């Protein structure tokens, strides 16, 4: 870096310091999965100093701000004020289990959700995205075993699904209703799928490591259940998660359409055929057979034991299919580029790094001209 570059970097850092937003520092730290003491060590200061910067008690000097930007892998402009709320927290999101992941891991996943919202905001200034159109059918978060989730799923199918029978493409259905669907980066692989009700659009974030077409579809329907039923419910309770599972089962496998086809015993060939037809796992079909009382509890438990003993809980036998991939934002980025705003400019407008943009919205490979 020559003297001119140093001078320009110093000016940028000084300007960023004048417009410093403490919440954006918290966001950047969480995005990189760092604790305060780890960030402090990286820039040669104390955790208490980082805490004061994030609380807005002290403002970092231009030199310190440059060090923070370098350690966190973001431009200094990332810390500018003016992008609304800088942080999402667990109170906004329906995580499957708060015990299976650490707070750091959940914070990192939510930070990616936050910058995804920033990218979407920048895109919406350039491209028209589908209007948000998710039906609302609230179910009381304390309802155990009642009809609420089933009735909500039936209402959602009536509003969203074009015809009876299997849902052809869960992710495409979500995107057609204005939901932002993102596959999280590999660094968040321990965080299961989760959803955020409105920020400002509803958002569904998928686990990057699951890699299972059948289970991902159920995850998508599960998260749709939260969006339909749980706008005011406190996330994370077993009752609320069970309601979302019951919603997903009825949404993907309506009782009226599938009950007569479900086996009373663990007929694996019949289950494999139904799996291919309905786009759900054999485990989900067994769950459905039990909840509809087609299969007795003892038969269900024995079948699930067989799944576990054969290692099928992780990878079921039979055909594989590629995951349903989100395309709405990929297409929107391509439309923006065709209109003159390429990925570098879009990242600048959203105040994120190009690398983070590409992680969240991977570019499609283009064929090499002959």
Protein backbone atom coordinates (compact mmCIF):
# COMPACT_ATOMS: atom_id res chain seq x y z
CA UNK A 1 0.00 0.00 0.00
CA UNK A 2 1.51 3.36 -1.05
CA UNK A 3 1.23 6.70 0.75
CA UNK A 4 -1.83 7.69 -1.28
CA UNK A 5 -3.63 4.48 -0.35
CA UNK A 6 -2.76 4.96 3.33
CA UNK A 7 -4.09 8.50 3.20
CA UNK A 8 -7.32 7.43 1.52
CA UNK A 9 -7.82 4.60 4.03
CA UNK A 10 -7.26 7.04 6.89
CA UNK A 11 -9.89 9.43 5.47
CA UNK A 12 -12.40 6.57 5.12
CA UNK A 13 -11.77 5.45 8.69
CA UNK A 14 -12.13 9.00 10.01
CA UNK A 15 -15.44 9.45 8.16
CA UNK A 16 -16.66 6.06 9.38
CA UNK A 17 -15.77 7.04 12.93
CA UNK A 18 -17.95 10.16 12.69
CA UNK A 19 -20.88 8.02 11.50
CA UNK A 20 -20.15 5.05 13.77
CA UNK A 21 -23.10 2.85 14.77
CA UNK A 22 -22.28 0.65 17.75
CA UNK A 23 -24.87 -1.98 16.78
CA UNK A 24 -23.11 -2.50 13.46
CA UNK A 25 -19.95 -3.45 15.36
CA UNK A 26 -21.93 -6.03 17.34
CA UNK A 27 -23.38 -7.31 14.07
CA UNK A 28 -19.94 -7.68 12.46
CA UNK A 29 -18.53 -9.49 15.50
CA UNK A 30 -21.42 -11.93 15.58
CA UNK A 31 -21.17 -12.43 11.83
CA UNK A 32 -17.64 -13.75 12.30
CA UNK A 33 -18.61 -15.89 15.28
CA UNK A 34 -16.29 -14.09 17.69
CA UNK A 35 -16.53 -13.38 21.38
CA UNK A 36 -15.55 -9.95 22.68
CA UNK A 37 -12.30 -11.26 24.13
CA UNK A 38 -11.33 -12.84 20.79
CA UNK A 39 -11.94 -9.60 18.91
CA UNK A 40 -10.08 -7.63 21.59
CA UNK A 41 -7.06 -9.90 21.26
CA UNK A 42 -7.13 -9.56 17.47
CA UNK A 43 -6.85 -5.75 17.60
CA UNK A 44 -4.73 -5.41 20.74
CA UNK A 45 -7.25 -4.01 23.21
CA UNK A 46 -9.41 -5.30 26.08
CA UNK A 47 -12.81 -7.02 26.11
CA UNK A 48 -14.06 -4.14 28.26
CA UNK A 49 -13.10 -1.67 25.53
CA UNK A 50 -14.97 -3.72 22.93
CA UNK A 51 -17.96 -3.76 25.28
CA UNK A 52 -17.87 0.04 25.59
CA UNK A 53 -17.72 0.43 21.79
CA UNK A 54 -20.68 -1.92 21.33
CA UNK A 55 -22.67 -0.17 24.07
CA UNK A 56 -22.07 3.19 22.40
CA UNK A 57 -20.35 4.52 25.51
CA UNK A 58 -17.09 5.18 23.66
CA UNK A 59 -16.42 5.72 19.98
CA UNK A 60 -13.37 3.98 18.48
CA UNK A 61 -10.64 6.16 17.01
CA UNK A 62 -10.08 6.01 13.24
CA UNK A 63 -7.03 3.79 13.79
CA UNK A 64 -8.98 1.42 16.03
CA UNK A 65 -11.88 1.39 13.58
CA UNK A 66 -9.52 0.38 10.78
CA UNK A 67 -8.18 -2.44 12.94
CA UNK A 68 -11.71 -3.57 13.75
CA UNK A 69 -12.65 -3.59 10.07
CA UNK A 70 -9.55 -5.59 9.17
CA UNK A 71 -10.05 -8.12 11.98
CA UNK A 72 -13.70 -8.60 11.07
CA UNK A 73 -13.20 -8.67 7.32
CA UNK A 74 -15.58 -5.82 6.53
CA UNK A 75 -15.14 -2.36 5.00
CA UNK A 76 -15.08 0.49 7.49
CA UNK A 77 -18.31 1.73 5.88
CA UNK A 78 -19.99 -1.34 7.36
CA UNK A 79 -20.04 0.55 10.68
CA UNK A 80 -21.94 3.57 9.31
CA UNK A 81 -25.24 4.48 10.95
CA UNK A 82 -28.40 4.66 8.91
CA UNK A 83 -29.41 1.06 8.19
CA UNK A 84 -32.07 0.72 10.88
CA UNK A 85 -31.74 -1.91 13.58
CA UNK A 86 -28.34 -3.53 13.32
CA UNK A 87 -28.94 -6.78 15.22
CA UNK A 88 -31.43 -9.61 15.25
CA UNK A 89 -31.64 -11.69 18.42
CA UNK A 90 -33.13 -15.04 19.38
CA UNK A 91 -36.40 -13.40 20.41
CA UNK A 92 -37.08 -12.77 16.71
CA UNK A 93 -36.37 -16.29 15.44
CA UNK A 94 -37.88 -19.75 15.74
CA UNK A 95 -34.90 -22.03 16.39
CA UNK A 96 -35.62 -25.76 16.74
CA UNK A 97 -33.83 -26.22 20.06
CA UNK A 98 -32.00 -23.63 22.09
CA UNK A 99 -30.09 -26.39 23.87
CA UNK A 100 -28.52 -27.97 20.77
CA UNK A 101 -26.52 -24.87 19.76
CA UNK A 102 -24.51 -22.20 21.53
CA UNK A 103 -25.52 -18.55 21.74
CA UNK A 104 -22.49 -17.68 19.59
CA UNK A 105 -23.71 -20.05 16.84
CA UNK A 106 -27.25 -18.68 16.94
CA UNK A 107 -25.96 -15.10 16.95
CA UNK A 108 -23.83 -15.82 13.88
CA UNK A 109 -26.76 -17.33 11.98
CA UNK A 110 -28.94 -14.35 12.90
CA UNK A 111 -26.20 -11.95 11.81
CA UNK A 112 -26.23 -13.56 8.37
CA UNK A 113 -29.99 -13.11 8.38
CA UNK A 114 -29.50 -9.43 9.16
CA UNK A 115 -27.09 -8.80 6.29
CA UNK A 116 -29.36 -10.81 4.00
CA UNK A 117 -32.06 -8.28 4.89
CA UNK A 118 -29.64 -5.45 4.00
CA UNK A 119 -28.93 -7.07 0.62
CA UNK A 120 -32.66 -7.49 -0.02
CA UNK A 121 -33.25 -3.83 0.86
CA UNK A 122 -30.61 -2.80 -1.68
CA UNK A 123 -32.13 -5.13 -4.29
CA UNK A 124 -35.64 -3.82 -3.74
CA UNK A 125 -34.46 -0.37 -4.79
CA UNK A 126 -33.58 -1.94 -8.16
CA UNK A 127 -35.86 -4.93 -8.73
CA UNK A 128 -39.48 -5.70 -7.88
CA UNK A 129 -39.73 -8.81 -5.69
CA UNK A 130 -42.97 -10.76 -5.10
CA UNK A 131 -45.29 -9.17 -2.57
CA UNK A 132 -45.40 -10.78 0.87
CA UNK A 133 -48.55 -12.89 0.94
CA UNK A 134 -48.47 -15.41 3.79
CA UNK A 135 -51.85 -16.32 5.30
CA UNK A 136 -52.21 -15.80 9.04
CA UNK A 137 -53.92 -18.41 11.19
CA UNK A 138 -52.77 -17.87 14.79
CA UNK A 139 -52.63 -20.89 17.08
CA UNK A 140 -52.27 -20.39 20.82
CA UNK A 141 -48.73 -21.37 21.86
CA UNK A 142 -50.08 -23.38 24.82
CA UNK A 143 -52.42 -25.55 22.72
CA UNK A 144 -51.31 -29.15 23.15
CA UNK A 145 -52.80 -31.76 20.85
CA UNK A 146 -55.65 -29.52 19.70
CA UNK A 147 -56.83 -29.06 16.11
CA UNK A 148 -55.20 -25.63 15.61
CA UNK A 149 -52.10 -26.66 13.58
CA UNK A 150 -54.11 -28.96 11.30
CA UNK A 151 -56.72 -26.28 10.63
CA UNK A 152 -53.94 -23.73 10.01
CA UNK A 153 -52.25 -26.06 7.52
CA UNK A 154 -55.52 -26.65 5.68
CA UNK A 155 -56.16 -22.92 5.49
CA UNK A 156 -52.61 -22.33 4.24
CA UNK A 157 -52.93 -25.03 1.58
CA UNK A 158 -56.24 -23.58 0.41
CA UNK A 159 -54.60 -20.16 0.06
CA UNK A 160 -51.22 -21.22 -1.33
CA UNK A 161 -51.33 -24.61 -3.07
CA UNK A 162 -52.67 -24.75 -6.59
CA UNK A 163 -54.06 -28.29 -6.39
CA UNK A 164 -54.51 -31.28 -4.06
CA UNK A 165 -51.78 -33.88 -3.67
CA UNK A 166 -48.03 -33.43 -3.24
CA UNK A 167 -46.53 -29.92 -3.06
CA UNK A 168 -44.23 -29.80 -6.12
CA UNK A 169 -41.60 -27.39 -4.74
CA UNK A 170 -41.70 -26.03 -1.19
CA UNK A 171 -38.93 -23.44 -1.61
CA UNK A 172 -40.43 -22.08 -4.83
CA UNK A 173 -43.80 -21.82 -3.10
CA UNK A 174 -42.28 -19.82 -0.24
CA UNK A 175 -40.44 -17.49 -2.62
CA UNK A 176 -43.56 -16.95 -4.74
CA UNK A 177 -45.20 -15.56 -1.58
CA UNK A 178 -42.40 -13.08 -0.95
CA UNK A 179 -40.47 -15.11 1.65
CA UNK A 180 -36.69 -14.70 1.59
CA UNK A 181 -35.11 -18.16 1.50
CA UNK A 182 -31.39 -18.45 2.26
CA UNK A 183 -29.03 -21.40 2.67
CA UNK A 184 -26.70 -20.46 5.52
CA UNK A 185 -22.90 -20.54 5.04
CA UNK A 186 -20.96 -23.68 6.11
CA UNK A 187 -19.70 -21.96 9.27
CA UNK A 188 -23.22 -22.22 10.70
CA UNK A 189 -23.69 -25.94 10.03
CA UNK A 190 -24.70 -26.77 13.62
CA UNK A 191 -27.71 -24.42 13.41
CA UNK A 192 -30.83 -26.14 12.11
CA UNK A 193 -33.33 -24.43 9.83
CA UNK A 194 -35.08 -21.44 11.41
CA UNK A 195 -37.41 -18.63 10.45
CA UNK A 196 -37.86 -14.95 11.19
CA UNK A 197 -41.36 -13.52 10.98
CA UNK A 198 -40.71 -10.09 9.49
CA UNK A 199 -37.47 -8.18 9.08
CA UNK A 200 -38.98 -6.52 7.02
CA UNK A 201 -39.83 -9.64 4.97
CA UNK A 202 -40.34 -13.08 6.45
CA UNK A 203 -37.23 -15.19 6.10
CA UNK A 204 -36.45 -18.91 6.16
CA UNK A 205 -32.84 -19.97 6.69
CA UNK A 206 -31.81 -23.53 5.84
CA UNK A 207 -29.07 -25.66 7.38
CA UNK A 208 -26.08 -25.85 4.98
CA UNK A 209 -24.99 -29.32 6.07
CA UNK A 210 -28.23 -31.31 6.13
CA UNK A 211 -28.12 -31.96 2.37
CA UNK A 212 -31.28 -34.08 2.37
CA UNK A 213 -33.99 -33.21 -0.15
CA UNK A 214 -36.75 -34.97 1.81
CA UNK A 215 -35.98 -33.50 5.20
CA UNK A 216 -35.33 -30.03 3.79
CA UNK A 217 -38.85 -29.97 2.33
CA UNK A 218 -40.27 -30.85 5.75
CA UNK A 219 -38.06 -28.14 7.29
CA UNK A 220 -39.49 -25.62 4.83
CA UNK A 221 -43.06 -26.57 5.68
CA UNK A 222 -42.21 -26.52 9.40
CA UNK A 223 -40.89 -22.96 9.13
CA UNK A 224 -43.92 -21.94 7.07
CA UNK A 225 -45.99 -23.19 9.99
CA UNK A 226 -44.22 -20.76 12.30
CA UNK A 227 -44.86 -17.89 9.86
CA UNK A 228 -48.56 -18.78 9.59
CA UNK A 229 -49.27 -19.61 13.25
CA UNK A 230 -46.71 -17.98 15.54
CA UNK A 231 -46.36 -14.25 14.90
CA UNK A 232 -46.75 -13.58 18.64
CA UNK A 233 -45.49 -16.86 20.11
CA UNK A 234 -42.30 -17.00 22.13
CA UNK A 235 -39.82 -19.08 20.10
CA UNK A 236 -38.21 -22.30 21.24
CA UNK A 237 -40.85 -24.08 23.30
CA UNK A 238 -41.51 -27.77 22.71
CA UNK A 239 -45.23 -27.08 22.26
CA UNK A 240 -44.63 -24.47 19.55
CA UNK A 241 -42.16 -26.76 17.76
CA UNK A 242 -44.61 -29.67 17.92
CA UNK A 243 -47.31 -27.42 16.46
CA UNK A 244 -45.01 -26.58 13.53
CA UNK A 245 -44.32 -30.30 12.96
CA UNK A 246 -48.04 -31.07 12.93
CA UNK A 247 -48.61 -28.17 10.53
CA UNK A 248 -45.89 -29.46 8.20
CA UNK A 249 -47.29 -32.99 8.24
CA UNK A 250 -50.78 -31.83 7.25
CA UNK A 251 -49.45 -29.29 4.74
CA UNK A 252 -47.25 -31.80 2.90
CA UNK A 253 -49.37 -34.92 3.50
CA UNK A 254 -53.02 -33.87 3.83
CA UNK A 255 -55.06 -36.44 5.72
CA UNK A 256 -57.78 -36.42 3.07
CA UNK A 257 -55.28 -37.29 0.32
CA UNK A 258 -52.86 -39.69 2.01
CA UNK A 259 -54.58 -41.56 4.85
CA UNK A 260 -55.81 -44.44 2.70
CA UNK A 261 -52.37 -44.90 1.11
CA UNK A 262 -50.37 -45.17 4.35
CA UNK A 263 -49.32 -48.67 5.44
CA UNK A 264 -50.44 -50.18 8.75
CA UNK A 265 -47.12 -52.00 9.05
CA UNK A 266 -43.54 -51.02 8.21
CA UNK A 267 -43.82 -51.98 4.55
CA UNK A 268 -40.54 -50.48 3.36
CA UNK A 269 -41.25 -50.86 -0.36
CA UNK A 270 -44.60 -49.11 0.03
CA UNK A 271 -42.98 -46.40 2.14
CA UNK A 272 -40.27 -45.91 -0.51
CA UNK A 273 -42.93 -45.48 -3.20
CA UNK A 274 -44.84 -42.96 -1.09
CA UNK A 275 -41.58 -41.14 -0.35
CA UNK A 276 -40.92 -40.68 -4.06
CA UNK A 277 -44.52 -39.60 -4.73
CA UNK A 278 -44.95 -37.12 -1.87
CA UNK A 279 -41.41 -35.80 -1.51
CA UNK A 280 -41.11 -36.58 2.19
CA UNK A 281 -38.88 -38.94 4.15
CA UNK A 282 -39.93 -42.39 5.30
CA UNK A 283 -39.55 -41.10 8.86
CA UNK A 284 -42.11 -38.38 8.11
CA UNK A 285 -44.46 -40.94 6.56
CA UNK A 286 -44.19 -43.13 9.65
CA UNK A 287 -44.88 -40.07 11.84
CA UNK A 288 -47.92 -39.31 9.70
CA UNK A 289 -49.21 -42.87 9.89
CA UNK A 290 -48.96 -42.77 13.66
CA UNK A 291 -50.60 -39.37 14.11
CA UNK A 292 -53.50 -40.41 11.84
CA UNK A 293 -53.82 -43.66 13.85
CA UNK A 294 -53.26 -45.74 10.74
CA UNK A 295 -50.27 -47.30 12.52
CA UNK A 296 -50.25 -48.30 16.16
CA UNK A 297 -47.76 -46.81 18.59
CA UNK A 298 -45.91 -50.12 19.00
CA UNK A 299 -45.58 -50.66 15.24
CA UNK A 300 -44.35 -47.08 14.85
CA UNK A 301 -41.73 -47.45 17.57
CA UNK A 302 -40.45 -50.71 16.09
CA UNK A 303 -40.23 -49.10 12.66
CA UNK A 304 -38.28 -46.15 14.03
CA UNK A 305 -35.95 -48.57 15.83
CA UNK A 306 -35.30 -50.26 12.49
CA UNK A 307 -34.52 -46.87 10.91
CA UNK A 308 -32.03 -46.15 13.69
CA UNK A 309 -30.42 -49.61 13.65
CA UNK A 310 -29.80 -49.37 9.90
CA UNK A 311 -28.46 -45.81 10.05
CA UNK A 312 -31.45 -44.57 8.07
CA UNK A 313 -32.20 -41.73 10.47
CA UNK A 314 -29.24 -39.93 8.90
CA UNK A 315 -29.40 -41.26 5.35
CA UNK A 316 -32.41 -43.20 4.14
CA UNK A 317 -31.98 -45.84 1.43
CA UNK A 318 -33.09 -45.42 -2.15
CA UNK A 319 -33.08 -42.58 -4.61
CA UNK A 320 -31.53 -39.19 -3.97
CA UNK A 321 -32.54 -35.82 -5.33
CA UNK A 322 -30.82 -32.44 -5.41
CA UNK A 323 -32.00 -29.96 -2.80
CA UNK A 324 -34.68 -27.46 -3.65
CA UNK A 325 -32.55 -24.37 -4.14
CA UNK A 326 -33.73 -20.79 -3.65
CA UNK A 327 -33.62 -18.78 -6.89
CA UNK A 328 -35.57 -15.57 -6.25
CA UNK A 329 -32.60 -13.54 -5.03
CA UNK A 330 -30.23 -15.08 -7.59
CA UNK A 331 -32.54 -13.95 -10.38
CA UNK A 332 -32.98 -10.53 -8.76
CA UNK A 333 -29.20 -10.05 -8.60
CA UNK A 334 -28.93 -11.03 -12.28
CA UNK A 335 -31.68 -8.55 -13.23
CA UNK A 336 -29.92 -5.82 -11.26
CA UNK A 337 -26.66 -6.63 -13.07
CA UNK A 338 -28.39 -6.49 -16.46
CA UNK A 339 -29.66 -3.01 -15.50
CA UNK A 340 -26.16 -1.84 -14.59
CA UNK A 341 -25.67 -2.71 -10.91
CA UNK A 342 -23.21 -5.59 -10.71
CA UNK A 343 -22.42 -7.67 -7.63
CA UNK A 344 -19.59 -5.38 -6.50
CA UNK A 345 -21.84 -2.32 -6.64
CA UNK A 346 -24.69 -4.18 -4.96
CA UNK A 347 -22.40 -5.24 -2.11
CA UNK A 348 -21.28 -1.62 -1.71
CA UNK A 349 -24.89 -0.38 -1.68
CA UNK A 350 -25.82 -2.99 0.95
CA UNK A 351 -22.61 -2.24 2.91
CA UNK A 352 -21.55 -5.89 2.98
CA UNK A 353 -18.51 -7.59 1.54
CA UNK A 354 -18.66 -9.14 -1.89
CA UNK A 355 -17.60 -12.43 -0.28
CA UNK A 356 -20.58 -12.37 2.10
CA UNK A 357 -22.94 -11.50 -0.75
CA UNK A 358 -21.68 -14.47 -2.74
CA UNK A 359 -21.98 -16.77 0.28
CA UNK A 360 -25.65 -15.90 0.77
CA UNK A 361 -26.62 -15.57 -2.90
CA UNK A 362 -24.21 -17.79 -4.86
CA UNK A 363 -23.76 -16.74 -8.48
CA UNK A 364 -24.90 -19.25 -11.06
CA UNK A 365 -22.10 -20.62 -13.27
CA UNK A 366 -22.33 -19.34 -16.80
CA UNK A 367 -21.26 -21.49 -19.75
CA UNK A 368 -17.96 -20.58 -21.32
CA UNK A 369 -18.53 -19.21 -24.85
CA UNK A 370 -17.43 -21.61 -27.59
